[in-house]
C-alpha atoms as a PDB file:
ATOM      1  CA  UNK A   1       9.942  -4.414 174.705  1.00  0.00           C
ATOM      2  CA  UNK A   2       8.805  -7.096 177.142  1.00  0.00           C
ATOM      3  CA  UNK A   3       7.491  -4.733 179.817  1.00  0.00           C
ATOM      4  CA  UNK A   4       4.951  -2.846 177.617  1.00  0.00           C
ATOM      5  CA  UNK A   5       3.973  -6.060 175.831  1.00  0.00           C
ATOM      6  CA  UNK A   6       3.052  -7.744 179.091  1.00  0.00           C
ATOM      7  CA  UNK A   7       1.085  -4.682 180.159  1.00  0.00           C
ATOM      8  CA  UNK A   8      -0.980  -4.921 176.962  1.00  0.00           C
ATOM      9  CA  UNK A   9      -1.855  -8.526 177.818  1.00  0.00           C
ATOM     10  CA  UNK A  10      -4.159  -7.213 180.533  1.00  0.00           C
ATOM     11  CA  UNK A  11      -6.334  -5.440 177.960  1.00  0.00           C
ATOM     12  CA  UNK A  12      -6.121  -7.626 174.836  1.00  0.00           C
ATOM     13  CA  UNK A  13      -6.368 -11.249 173.815  1.00  0.00           C
ATOM     14  CA  UNK A  14      -2.651 -11.511 173.181  1.00  0.00           C
ATOM     15  CA  UNK A  15      -0.442 -13.729 171.058  1.00  0.00           C
ATOM     16  CA  UNK A  16       3.349 -13.749 171.409  1.00  0.00           C
ATOM     17  CA  UNK A  17       5.689 -15.954 169.423  1.00  0.00           C
ATOM     18  CA  UNK A  18       9.332 -16.890 168.950  1.00  0.00           C
ATOM     19  CA  UNK A  19      10.221 -15.743 165.415  1.00  0.00           C
ATOM     20  CA  UNK A  20      12.608 -18.574 164.596  1.00  0.00           C
ATOM     21  CA  UNK A  21      11.985 -18.567 160.833  1.00  0.00           C
ATOM     22  CA  UNK A  22      12.630 -14.835 160.707  1.00  0.00           C
ATOM     23  CA  UNK A  23      15.978 -15.544 162.361  1.00  0.00           C
ATOM     24  CA  UNK A  24      17.060 -17.708 159.415  1.00  0.00           C
ATOM     25  CA  UNK A  25      17.722 -14.545 157.411  1.00  0.00           C
ATOM     26  CA  UNK A  26      20.916 -14.053 159.418  1.00  0.00           C
ATOM     27  CA  UNK A  27      21.572 -17.153 161.526  1.00  0.00           C
ATOM     28  CA  UNK A  28      23.477 -20.008 159.911  1.00  0.00           C
ATOM     29  CA  UNK A  29      24.429 -22.006 163.003  1.00  0.00           C
ATOM     30  CA  UNK A  30      21.653 -24.504 163.913  1.00  0.00           C
ATOM     31  CA  UNK A  31      22.929 -24.966 167.474  1.00  0.00           C
ATOM     32  CA  UNK A  32      23.027 -21.213 168.041  1.00  0.00           C
ATOM     33  CA  UNK A  33      19.503 -20.771 166.666  1.00  0.00           C
ATOM     34  CA  UNK A  34      18.180 -23.555 168.884  1.00  0.00           C
ATOM     35  CA  UNK A  35      19.884 -22.053 171.941  1.00  0.00           C
ATOM     36  CA  UNK A  36      18.458 -18.619 171.216  1.00  0.00           C
ATOM     37  CA  UNK A  37      14.927 -19.985 170.821  1.00  0.00           C
ATOM     38  CA  UNK A  38      15.000 -21.394 174.339  1.00  0.00           C
ATOM     39  CA  UNK A  39      16.754 -18.342 175.797  1.00  0.00           C
ATOM     40  CA  UNK A  40      14.101 -16.008 174.383  1.00  0.00           C
ATOM     41  CA  UNK A  41      11.277 -18.243 175.603  1.00  0.00           C
ATOM     42  CA  UNK A  42      12.824 -18.562 179.073  1.00  0.00           C
ATOM     43  CA  UNK A  43      13.327 -14.801 179.274  1.00  0.00           C
ATOM     44  CA  UNK A  44       9.651 -14.120 178.570  1.00  0.00           C
ATOM     45  CA  UNK A  45       8.536 -16.721 181.101  1.00  0.00           C
ATOM     46  CA  UNK A  46      10.896 -15.569 183.842  1.00  0.00           C
ATOM     47  CA  UNK A  47       9.965 -11.912 183.371  1.00  0.00           C
ATOM     48  CA  UNK A  48       6.269 -12.551 183.866  1.00  0.00           C
ATOM     49  CA  UNK A  49       4.573 -13.983 180.790  1.00  0.00           C
ATOM     50  CA  UNK A  50       1.686 -16.208 181.871  1.00  0.00           C
ATOM     51  CA  UNK A  51       1.084 -18.907 179.217  1.00  0.00           C
ATOM     52  CA  UNK A  52      -2.429 -19.371 180.584  1.00  0.00           C
ATOM     53  CA  UNK A  53      -3.229 -15.701 179.978  1.00  0.00           C
ATOM     54  CA  UNK A  54      -1.673 -15.316 176.521  1.00  0.00           C
ATOM     55  CA  UNK A  55      -1.019 -17.573 173.538  1.00  0.00           C
ATOM     56  CA  UNK A  56       2.735 -18.187 173.431  1.00  0.00           C
ATOM     57  CA  UNK A  57       4.171 -20.284 170.609  1.00  0.00           C
ATOM     58  CA  UNK A  58       7.014 -20.927 168.215  1.00  0.00           C
ATOM     59  CA  UNK A  59       6.506 -19.526 164.718  1.00  0.00           C
ATOM     60  CA  UNK A  60       7.779 -22.695 163.047  1.00  0.00           C
ATOM     61  CA  UNK A  61       4.993 -24.710 164.719  1.00  0.00           C
ATOM     62  CA  UNK A  62       2.359 -22.846 162.667  1.00  0.00           C
ATOM     63  CA  UNK A  63       2.541 -24.105 159.044  1.00  0.00           C
ATOM     64  CA  UNK A  64      -0.414 -21.900 158.153  1.00  0.00           C
ATOM     65  CA  UNK A  65       1.861 -18.861 158.524  1.00  0.00           C
ATOM     66  CA  UNK A  66       4.093 -19.963 155.674  1.00  0.00           C
ATOM     67  CA  UNK A  67       1.273 -20.813 153.282  1.00  0.00           C
ATOM     68  CA  UNK A  68      -0.229 -17.437 154.103  1.00  0.00           C
ATOM     69  CA  UNK A  69       3.122 -15.761 153.386  1.00  0.00           C
ATOM     70  CA  UNK A  70       3.215 -17.233 149.863  1.00  0.00           C
ATOM     71  CA  UNK A  71      -0.353 -16.165 149.094  1.00  0.00           C
ATOM     72  CA  UNK A  72       0.345 -12.646 150.359  1.00  0.00           C
ATOM     73  CA  UNK A  73       3.584 -12.426 148.403  1.00  0.00           C
ATOM     74  CA  UNK A  74       1.542 -12.908 145.229  1.00  0.00           C
ATOM     75  CA  UNK A  75      -0.436  -9.711 145.891  1.00  0.00           C
ATOM     76  CA  UNK A  76       2.532  -7.677 147.186  1.00  0.00           C
ATOM     77  CA  UNK A  77       4.172  -5.208 144.838  1.00  0.00           C
ATOM     78  CA  UNK A  78       7.927  -5.592 144.600  1.00  0.00           C
ATOM     79  CA  UNK A  79       8.200  -1.816 144.803  1.00  0.00           C
ATOM     80  CA  UNK A  80       6.646  -1.926 148.270  1.00  0.00           C
ATOM     81  CA  UNK A  81       9.396  -4.277 149.448  1.00  0.00           C
ATOM     82  CA  UNK A  82      12.055  -2.169 147.741  1.00  0.00           C
ATOM     83  CA  UNK A  83      11.161   0.584 150.199  1.00  0.00           C
ATOM     84  CA  UNK A  84      11.478  -1.562 153.340  1.00  0.00           C
ATOM     85  CA  UNK A  85      14.001  -0.031 155.738  1.00  0.00           C
ATOM     86  CA  UNK A  86      16.090  -3.158 156.335  1.00  0.00           C
ATOM     87  CA  UNK A  87      16.483  -3.895 152.630  1.00  0.00           C
ATOM     88  CA  UNK A  88      17.250  -0.268 151.788  1.00  0.00           C
ATOM     89  CA  UNK A  89      19.857  -0.131 154.554  1.00  0.00           C
ATOM     90  CA  UNK A  90      21.553  -3.268 153.228  1.00  0.00           C
ATOM     91  CA  UNK A  91      21.597  -1.827 149.701  1.00  0.00           C
ATOM     92  CA  UNK A  92      23.017   1.472 150.935  1.00  0.00           C
ATOM     93  CA  UNK A  93      25.757  -0.345 152.829  1.00  0.00           C
ATOM     94  CA  UNK A  94      26.719  -2.193 149.640  1.00  0.00           C
ATOM     95  CA  UNK A  95      26.848   1.073 147.744  1.00  0.00           C
ATOM     96  CA  UNK A  96      28.987   2.621 150.478  1.00  0.00           C
ATOM     97  CA  UNK A  97      31.645  -0.051 150.051  1.00  0.00           C
ATOM     98  CA  UNK A  98      31.283  -0.061 146.233  1.00  0.00           C
ATOM     99  CA  UNK A  99      29.686  -3.494 145.927  1.00  0.00           C
ATOM    100  CA  UNK A 100      26.810  -4.616 143.748  1.00  0.00           C
ATOM    101  CA  UNK A 101      23.607  -3.243 145.335  1.00  0.00           C
ATOM    102  CA  UNK A 102      22.265  -6.724 146.169  1.00  0.00           C
ATOM    103  CA  UNK A 103      25.538  -8.401 147.155  1.00  0.00           C
ATOM    104  CA  UNK A 104      25.044 -10.744 150.101  1.00  0.00           C
ATOM    105  CA  UNK A 105      21.336  -9.930 150.478  1.00  0.00           C
ATOM    106  CA  UNK A 106      19.264 -13.101 150.555  1.00  0.00           C
ATOM    107  CA  UNK A 107      15.651 -13.300 149.416  1.00  0.00           C
ATOM    108  CA  UNK A 108      14.570 -13.834 153.016  1.00  0.00           C
ATOM    109  CA  UNK A 109      15.770 -10.355 153.920  1.00  0.00           C
ATOM    110  CA  UNK A 110      13.877  -8.907 150.972  1.00  0.00           C
ATOM    111  CA  UNK A 111      10.685 -10.863 151.702  1.00  0.00           C
ATOM    112  CA  UNK A 112      10.869 -10.401 155.470  1.00  0.00           C
ATOM    113  CA  UNK A 113       7.973  -7.876 155.553  1.00  0.00           C
ATOM    114  CA  UNK A 114       5.676 -10.369 153.806  1.00  0.00           C
ATOM    115  CA  UNK A 115       6.356 -13.067 156.382  1.00  0.00           C
ATOM    116  CA  UNK A 116       5.788 -10.506 159.117  1.00  0.00           C
ATOM    117  CA  UNK A 117       2.500  -9.527 157.468  1.00  0.00           C
ATOM    118  CA  UNK A 118       1.487 -13.199 157.474  1.00  0.00           C
ATOM    119  CA  UNK A 119       2.294 -13.409 161.191  1.00  0.00           C
ATOM    120  CA  UNK A 120      -0.079 -10.506 161.760  1.00  0.00           C
ATOM    121  CA  UNK A 121      -2.888 -10.921 159.236  1.00  0.00           C
ATOM    122  CA  UNK A 122      -3.393 -14.653 159.726  1.00  0.00           C
ATOM    123  CA  UNK A 123      -4.694 -14.008 163.245  1.00  0.00           C
ATOM    124  CA  UNK A 124      -6.911 -11.053 162.248  1.00  0.00           C
ATOM    125  CA  UNK A 125      -4.817  -8.887 164.530  1.00  0.00           C
ATOM    126  CA  UNK A 126      -6.151  -5.481 165.535  1.00  0.00           C
ATOM    127  CA  UNK A 127      -3.161  -4.043 167.412  1.00  0.00           C
ATOM    128  CA  UNK A 128       0.561  -4.755 167.140  1.00  0.00           C
ATOM    129  CA  UNK A 129       2.930  -3.326 169.771  1.00  0.00           C
ATOM    130  CA  UNK A 130       6.091  -2.169 168.031  1.00  0.00           C
ATOM    131  CA  UNK A 131       9.013   0.152 168.511  1.00  0.00           C
ATOM    132  CA  UNK A 132       9.474   3.246 166.373  1.00  0.00           C
ATOM    133  CA  UNK A 133      11.857   1.368 164.063  1.00  0.00           C
ATOM    134  CA  UNK A 134       9.246  -1.338 163.343  1.00  0.00           C
ATOM    135  CA  UNK A 135       6.326   0.933 162.506  1.00  0.00           C
ATOM    136  CA  UNK A 136       6.907   0.583 158.772  1.00  0.00           C
ATOM    137  CA  UNK A 137       6.295  -3.179 158.950  1.00  0.00           C
ATOM    138  CA  UNK A 138       2.769  -2.570 160.202  1.00  0.00           C
ATOM    139  CA  UNK A 139       2.189  -0.043 157.448  1.00  0.00           C
ATOM    140  CA  UNK A 140       3.310  -2.641 154.905  1.00  0.00           C
ATOM    141  CA  UNK A 141       1.011  -5.249 156.461  1.00  0.00           C
ATOM    142  CA  UNK A 142      -1.900  -2.820 156.100  1.00  0.00           C
ATOM    143  CA  UNK A 143      -1.029  -2.186 152.461  1.00  0.00           C
ATOM    144  CA  UNK A 144      -0.854  -5.923 151.771  1.00  0.00           C
ATOM    145  CA  UNK A 145      -4.190  -6.533 153.500  1.00  0.00           C
ATOM    146  CA  UNK A 146      -5.785  -3.730 151.493  1.00  0.00           C
ATOM    147  CA  UNK A 147      -4.474  -5.151 148.219  1.00  0.00           C
ATOM    148  CA  UNK A 148      -5.717  -8.651 149.065  1.00  0.00           C
ATOM    149  CA  UNK A 149      -9.154  -7.312 150.033  1.00  0.00           C
ATOM    150  CA  UNK A 150      -9.368  -5.232 146.849  1.00  0.00           C
ATOM    151  CA  UNK A 151      -8.469  -8.245 144.727  1.00  0.00           C
ATOM    152  CA  UNK A 152     -10.408 -11.031 146.424  1.00  0.00           C
ATOM    153  CA  UNK A 153     -12.975  -9.330 148.646  1.00  0.00           C
ATOM    154  CA  UNK A 154     -12.824  -8.110 152.207  1.00  0.00           C
ATOM    155  CA  UNK A 155     -11.321 -10.856 154.348  1.00  0.00           C
ATOM    156  CA  UNK A 156      -8.285  -9.514 156.170  1.00  0.00           C
ATOM    157  CA  UNK A 157      -8.398  -7.059 159.033  1.00  0.00           C
ATOM    158  CA  UNK A 158      -6.043  -4.105 158.673  1.00  0.00           C
ATOM    159  CA  UNK A 159      -3.921  -3.819 161.836  1.00  0.00           C
ATOM    160  CA  UNK A 160      -2.770  -0.701 163.598  1.00  0.00           C
ATOM    161  CA  UNK A 161       0.475  -0.209 165.432  1.00  0.00           C
ATOM    162  CA  UNK A 162       0.717   0.560 169.118  1.00  0.00           C
ATOM    163  CA  UNK A 163       3.849   2.619 169.692  1.00  0.00           C
ATOM    164  CA  UNK A 164       4.700   3.539 173.252  1.00  0.00           C
ATOM    165  CA  UNK A 165       6.050   7.066 172.894  1.00  0.00           C
ATOM    166  CA  UNK A 166       7.662   6.773 176.318  1.00  0.00           C
ATOM    167  CA  UNK A 167       9.417   3.579 175.216  1.00  0.00           C
ATOM    168  CA  UNK A 168      12.989   4.136 174.113  1.00  0.00           C
ATOM    169  CA  UNK A 169      15.452   2.169 172.040  1.00  0.00           C
ATOM    170  CA  UNK A 170      17.888   0.516 174.449  1.00  0.00           C
ATOM    171  CA  UNK A 171      21.442   1.494 173.436  1.00  0.00           C
ATOM    172  CA  UNK A 172      24.276  -0.962 173.555  1.00  0.00           C
ATOM    173  CA  UNK A 173      27.720  -0.683 175.088  1.00  0.00           C
ATOM    174  CA  UNK A 174      28.941   1.341 172.108  1.00  0.00           C
ATOM    175  CA  UNK A 175      25.934   3.661 171.836  1.00  0.00           C
ATOM    176  CA  UNK A 176      24.365   1.915 168.868  1.00  0.00           C
ATOM    177  CA  UNK A 177      21.059   0.074 169.234  1.00  0.00           C
ATOM    178  CA  UNK A 178      21.601  -2.890 171.557  1.00  0.00           C
ATOM    179  CA  UNK A 179      21.797  -5.971 169.347  1.00  0.00           C
ATOM    180  CA  UNK A 180      23.520  -9.323 169.389  1.00  0.00           C
ATOM    181  CA  UNK A 181      24.504  -8.570 165.794  1.00  0.00           C
ATOM    182  CA  UNK A 182      26.642  -5.703 167.097  1.00  0.00           C
ATOM    183  CA  UNK A 183      27.961  -7.734 170.054  1.00  0.00           C
ATOM    184  CA  UNK A 184      27.115  -4.830 172.348  1.00  0.00           C
ATOM    185  CA  UNK A 185      24.579  -6.425 174.686  1.00  0.00           C
ATOM    186  CA  UNK A 186      24.397  -6.940 178.436  1.00  0.00           C
ATOM    187  CA  UNK A 187      23.159 -10.488 179.173  1.00  0.00           C
ATOM    188  CA  UNK A 188      20.884  -9.828 182.144  1.00  0.00           C
ATOM    189  CA  UNK A 189      20.878 -13.424 183.412  1.00  0.00           C
ATOM    190  CA  UNK A 190      24.630 -13.938 183.107  1.00  0.00           C
ATOM    191  CA  UNK A 191      26.758 -14.412 186.260  1.00  0.00           C
ATOM    192  CA  UNK A 192      27.419 -11.156 188.169  1.00  0.00           C
ATOM    193  CA  UNK A 193      31.065 -11.062 187.107  1.00  0.00           C
ATOM    194  CA  UNK A 194      30.075 -11.207 183.424  1.00  0.00           C
ATOM    195  CA  UNK A 195      27.540  -8.412 183.838  1.00  0.00           C
ATOM    196  CA  UNK A 196      30.135  -6.312 185.663  1.00  0.00           C
ATOM    197  CA  UNK A 197      32.668  -6.839 182.882  1.00  0.00           C
ATOM    198  CA  UNK A 198      30.149  -5.850 180.206  1.00  0.00           C
ATOM    199  CA  UNK A 199      28.967  -2.744 182.045  1.00  0.00           C
ATOM    200  CA  UNK A 200      32.543  -1.611 182.580  1.00  0.00           C
ATOM    201  CA  UNK A 201      32.983  -1.753 178.782  1.00  0.00           C
ATOM    202  CA  UNK A 202      30.324   0.917 178.168  1.00  0.00           C
ATOM    203  CA  UNK A 203      31.924   3.712 176.185  1.00  0.00           C
ATOM    204  CA  UNK A 204      32.203   7.159 177.760  1.00  0.00           C
ATOM    205  CA  UNK A 205      33.915  10.428 176.941  1.00  0.00           C
ATOM    206  CA  UNK A 206      36.923  11.885 178.767  1.00  0.00           C
ATOM    207  CA  UNK A 207      35.086  14.330 181.036  1.00  0.00           C
ATOM    208  CA  UNK A 208      36.177  14.469 184.690  1.00  0.00           C
ATOM    209  CA  UNK A 209      33.742  13.819 187.572  1.00  0.00           C
ATOM    210  CA  UNK A 210      33.463  17.525 188.389  1.00  0.00           C
ATOM    211  CA  UNK A 211      32.622  18.490 184.785  1.00  0.00           C
ATOM    212  CA  UNK A 212      28.973  19.114 183.830  1.00  0.00           C
ATOM    213  CA  UNK A 213      27.706  16.445 181.451  1.00  0.00           C
ATOM    214  CA  UNK A 214      24.788  15.976 179.104  1.00  0.00           C
ATOM    215  CA  UNK A 215      22.870  12.903 180.329  1.00  0.00           C
ATOM    216  CA  UNK A 216      21.257  12.485 176.908  1.00  0.00           C
ATOM    217  CA  UNK A 217      24.675  11.912 175.372  1.00  0.00           C
ATOM    218  CA  UNK A 218      25.840   9.387 177.957  1.00  0.00           C
ATOM    219  CA  UNK A 219      25.607   5.679 177.091  1.00  0.00           C
ATOM    220  CA  UNK A 220      25.523   4.690 180.771  1.00  0.00           C
ATOM    221  CA  UNK A 221      22.609   6.993 181.570  1.00  0.00           C
ATOM    222  CA  UNK A 222      20.752   5.837 178.446  1.00  0.00           C
ATOM    223  CA  UNK A 223      20.726   2.285 179.840  1.00  0.00           C
ATOM    224  CA  UNK A 224      20.343   3.321 183.493  1.00  0.00           C
ATOM    225  CA  UNK A 225      17.054   5.154 182.888  1.00  0.00           C
ATOM    226  CA  UNK A 226      15.361   1.915 181.780  1.00  0.00           C
ATOM    227  CA  UNK A 227      15.868   0.308 185.185  1.00  0.00           C
ATOM    228  CA  UNK A 228      15.979   3.092 187.765  1.00  0.00           C
ATOM    229  CA  UNK A 229      12.917   4.559 189.493  1.00  0.00           C
ATOM    230  CA  UNK A 230      11.591   7.742 187.816  1.00  0.00           C
ATOM    231  CA  UNK A 231      12.593   9.932 190.759  1.00  0.00           C
ATOM    232  CA  UNK A 232      16.125   8.506 190.672  1.00  0.00           C
ATOM    233  CA  UNK A 233      16.370   9.232 186.935  1.00  0.00           C
ATOM    234  CA  UNK A 234      15.262  12.842 187.523  1.00  0.00           C
ATOM    235  CA  UNK A 235      17.751  13.305 190.353  1.00  0.00           C
ATOM    236  CA  UNK A 236      20.593  11.754 188.383  1.00  0.00           C
ATOM    237  CA  UNK A 237      19.846  13.960 185.399  1.00  0.00           C
ATOM    238  CA  UNK A 238      20.328  17.040 187.601  1.00  0.00           C
ATOM    239  CA  UNK A 239      23.617  15.658 188.946  1.00  0.00           C
ATOM    240  CA  UNK A 240      24.887  15.207 185.407  1.00  0.00           C
ATOM    241  CA  UNK A 241      24.133  18.788 184.460  1.00  0.00           C
ATOM    242  CA  UNK A 242      25.569  20.321 187.616  1.00  0.00           C
ATOM    243  CA  UNK A 243      28.736  18.208 187.676  1.00  0.00           C
ATOM    244  CA  UNK A 244      30.120  16.016 190.427  1.00  0.00           C
ATOM    245  CA  UNK A 245      29.288  12.581 189.074  1.00  0.00           C
ATOM    246  CA  UNK A 246      31.881  10.051 187.931  1.00  0.00           C
ATOM    247  CA  UNK A 247      31.273   7.582 185.143  1.00  0.00           C
ATOM    248  CA  UNK A 248      32.735   4.829 187.327  1.00  0.00           C
ATOM    249  CA  UNK A 249      30.099   5.534 189.988  1.00  0.00           C
ATOM    250  CA  UNK A 250      27.342   5.449 187.366  1.00  0.00           C
ATOM    251  CA  UNK A 251      28.573   2.110 186.097  1.00  0.00           C
ATOM    252  CA  UNK A 252      28.513   0.702 189.624  1.00  0.00           C
ATOM    253  CA  UNK A 253      24.965   1.989 190.137  1.00  0.00           C
ATOM    254  CA  UNK A 254      23.894   0.318 186.890  1.00  0.00           C
ATOM    255  CA  UNK A 255      25.509  -2.957 187.987  1.00  0.00           C
ATOM    256  CA  UNK A 256      23.625  -2.782 191.288  1.00  0.00           C
ATOM    257  CA  UNK A 257      20.345  -2.029 189.505  1.00  0.00           C
ATOM    258  CA  UNK A 258      20.728  -5.012 187.182  1.00  0.00           C
ATOM    259  CA  UNK A 259      21.505  -7.314 190.080  1.00  0.00           C
ATOM    260  CA  UNK A 260      18.528  -6.022 192.066  1.00  0.00           C
ATOM    261  CA  UNK A 261      16.223  -6.320 189.090  1.00  0.00           C
ATOM    262  CA  UNK A 262      17.291  -9.688 187.710  1.00  0.00           C
ATOM    263  CA  UNK A 263      19.531 -11.455 190.217  1.00  0.00           C
ATOM    264  CA  UNK A 264      16.668 -13.295 191.896  1.00  0.00           C
ATOM    265  CA  UNK A 265      15.380 -14.529 188.512  1.00  0.00           C
ATOM    266  CA  UNK A 266      18.738 -15.807 187.282  1.00  0.00           C
ATOM    267  CA  UNK A 267      18.383 -19.226 188.908  1.00  0.00           C
ATOM    268  CA  UNK A 268      14.891 -19.755 187.457  1.00  0.00           C
ATOM    269  CA  UNK A 269      16.124 -18.776 183.994  1.00  0.00           C
ATOM    270  CA  UNK A 270      18.954 -21.303 184.043  1.00  0.00           C
ATOM    271  CA  UNK A 271      16.708 -23.966 185.573  1.00  0.00           C
ATOM    272  CA  UNK A 272      14.358 -23.646 182.584  1.00  0.00           C
ATOM    273  CA  UNK A 273      17.249 -23.967 180.152  1.00  0.00           C
ATOM    274  CA  UNK A 274      18.598 -27.088 181.860  1.00  0.00           C
ATOM    275  CA  UNK A 275      15.329 -28.894 181.183  1.00  0.00           C
ATOM    276  CA  UNK A 276      13.841 -27.299 178.040  1.00  0.00           C
ATOM    277  CA  UNK A 277      11.080 -29.918 177.881  1.00  0.00           C
ATOM    278  CA  UNK A 278       8.997 -27.634 180.087  1.00  0.00           C
ATOM    279  CA  UNK A 279       9.428 -24.805 177.590  1.00  0.00           C
ATOM    280  CA  UNK A 280       8.530 -27.194 174.759  1.00  0.00           C
ATOM    281  CA  UNK A 281       5.271 -28.145 176.455  1.00  0.00           C
ATOM    282  CA  UNK A 282       4.294 -24.499 176.872  1.00  0.00           C
ATOM    283  CA  UNK A 283       5.131 -23.619 173.265  1.00  0.00           C
ATOM    284  CA  UNK A 284       3.342 -26.684 171.858  1.00  0.00           C
ATOM    285  CA  UNK A 285       0.213 -25.920 173.876  1.00  0.00           C
ATOM    286  CA  UNK A 286       0.334 -22.352 172.595  1.00  0.00           C
ATOM    287  CA  UNK A 287       0.725 -23.590 169.029  1.00  0.00           C
ATOM    288  CA  UNK A 288      -2.433 -25.671 169.346  1.00  0.00           C
ATOM    289  CA  UNK A 289      -4.399 -22.589 170.394  1.00  0.00           C
ATOM    290  CA  UNK A 290      -2.772 -20.447 167.703  1.00  0.00           C
ATOM    291  CA  UNK A 291      -3.599 -22.923 164.934  1.00  0.00           C
ATOM    292  CA  UNK A 292      -7.219 -22.995 166.090  1.00  0.00           C
ATOM    293  CA  UNK A 293      -7.328 -19.268 165.348  1.00  0.00           C
ATOM    294  CA  UNK A 294      -5.318 -19.483 162.129  1.00  0.00           C
ATOM    295  CA  UNK A 295      -7.072 -22.322 160.288  1.00  0.00           C
ATOM    296  CA  UNK A 296     -10.444 -20.626 159.684  1.00  0.00           C
ATOM    297  CA  UNK A 297      -8.732 -17.510 158.341  1.00  0.00           C
ATOM    298  CA  UNK A 298      -6.508 -19.482 155.986  1.00  0.00           C
ATOM    299  CA  UNK A 299      -9.448 -21.572 154.813  1.00  0.00           C
ATOM    300  CA  UNK A 300     -11.329 -18.414 153.871  1.00  0.00           C
ATOM    301  CA  UNK A 301      -8.238 -16.959 152.180  1.00  0.00           C
ATOM    302  CA  UNK A 302      -7.832 -20.170 150.181  1.00  0.00           C
ATOM    303  CA  UNK A 303     -11.513 -20.146 149.217  1.00  0.00           C
ATOM    304  CA  UNK A 304     -11.387 -16.552 148.055  1.00  0.00           C
ATOM    305  CA  UNK A 305      -8.287 -17.173 145.927  1.00  0.00           C
ATOM    306  CA  UNK A 306      -9.834 -20.257 144.307  1.00  0.00           C
ATOM    307  CA  UNK A 307      -7.616 -22.821 146.031  1.00  0.00           C
ATOM    308  CA  UNK A 308      -9.650 -25.860 147.076  1.00  0.00           C
ATOM    309  CA  UNK A 309      -9.495 -26.692 150.767  1.00  0.00           C
ATOM    310  CA  UNK A 310      -8.562 -30.282 151.432  1.00  0.00           C
END
């Protein structure tokens, strides 16, 4: 996700933010949330985000977003939110285990697409880089913008998604989408011994080294191809199909790739986390720039809806 986003920064006036209020839908530990905010920010900075080139901020530092979310929620059909993938998946899981359809689903989960629409529409965003699984959120944001414009007059720009078709979902150790919720991640800035332990936990089948294998069904290869050079990926794919490659060797190659790619940045990452005041200064400066863009839009939205601007 970070690599294509940073590439887009060369061609667009870009805004990137830490979605800490979105995280409240699932995170109940304040210390954990605070730690994750700084880890995400440090990761972006270490991997190449230039805060002078883009606007980088913390969502919670932009109060205009949350006022915008309420206004948009008042023109959003409940039926539109009923069809949101995350909510539908939660309902289906409840049905699977014979619970009430809305058991354990908080209103934040249900309203999540509206807050995401506010994140987008408040800045008159043209293009939003997303993965395939997030495309629906942009479609919902467009629908909300269209409804607002129909009701109050044309104000909000309807965004379009930018989906990199060569970008792939990164699988986790168990083959599911890599997610901290599934506890199947590889922490790229962890000590080498931790990374080694996690990589060695990647699930594989029982095929022997000499057996031909399908690279597209191998969890190790699915992660490896994100970090290896294209020619190495092509060569390794042939080795899989012809036989003669051991899963243990693939795991070692992946460990070496991760160390080559991120080992030199590990110290910088942890240095930033030891003194988060530097991260705070960057995020606060970004918030100032973001609010400069957001205020005129919100003022016009308030005017169109009949709310007096103070």
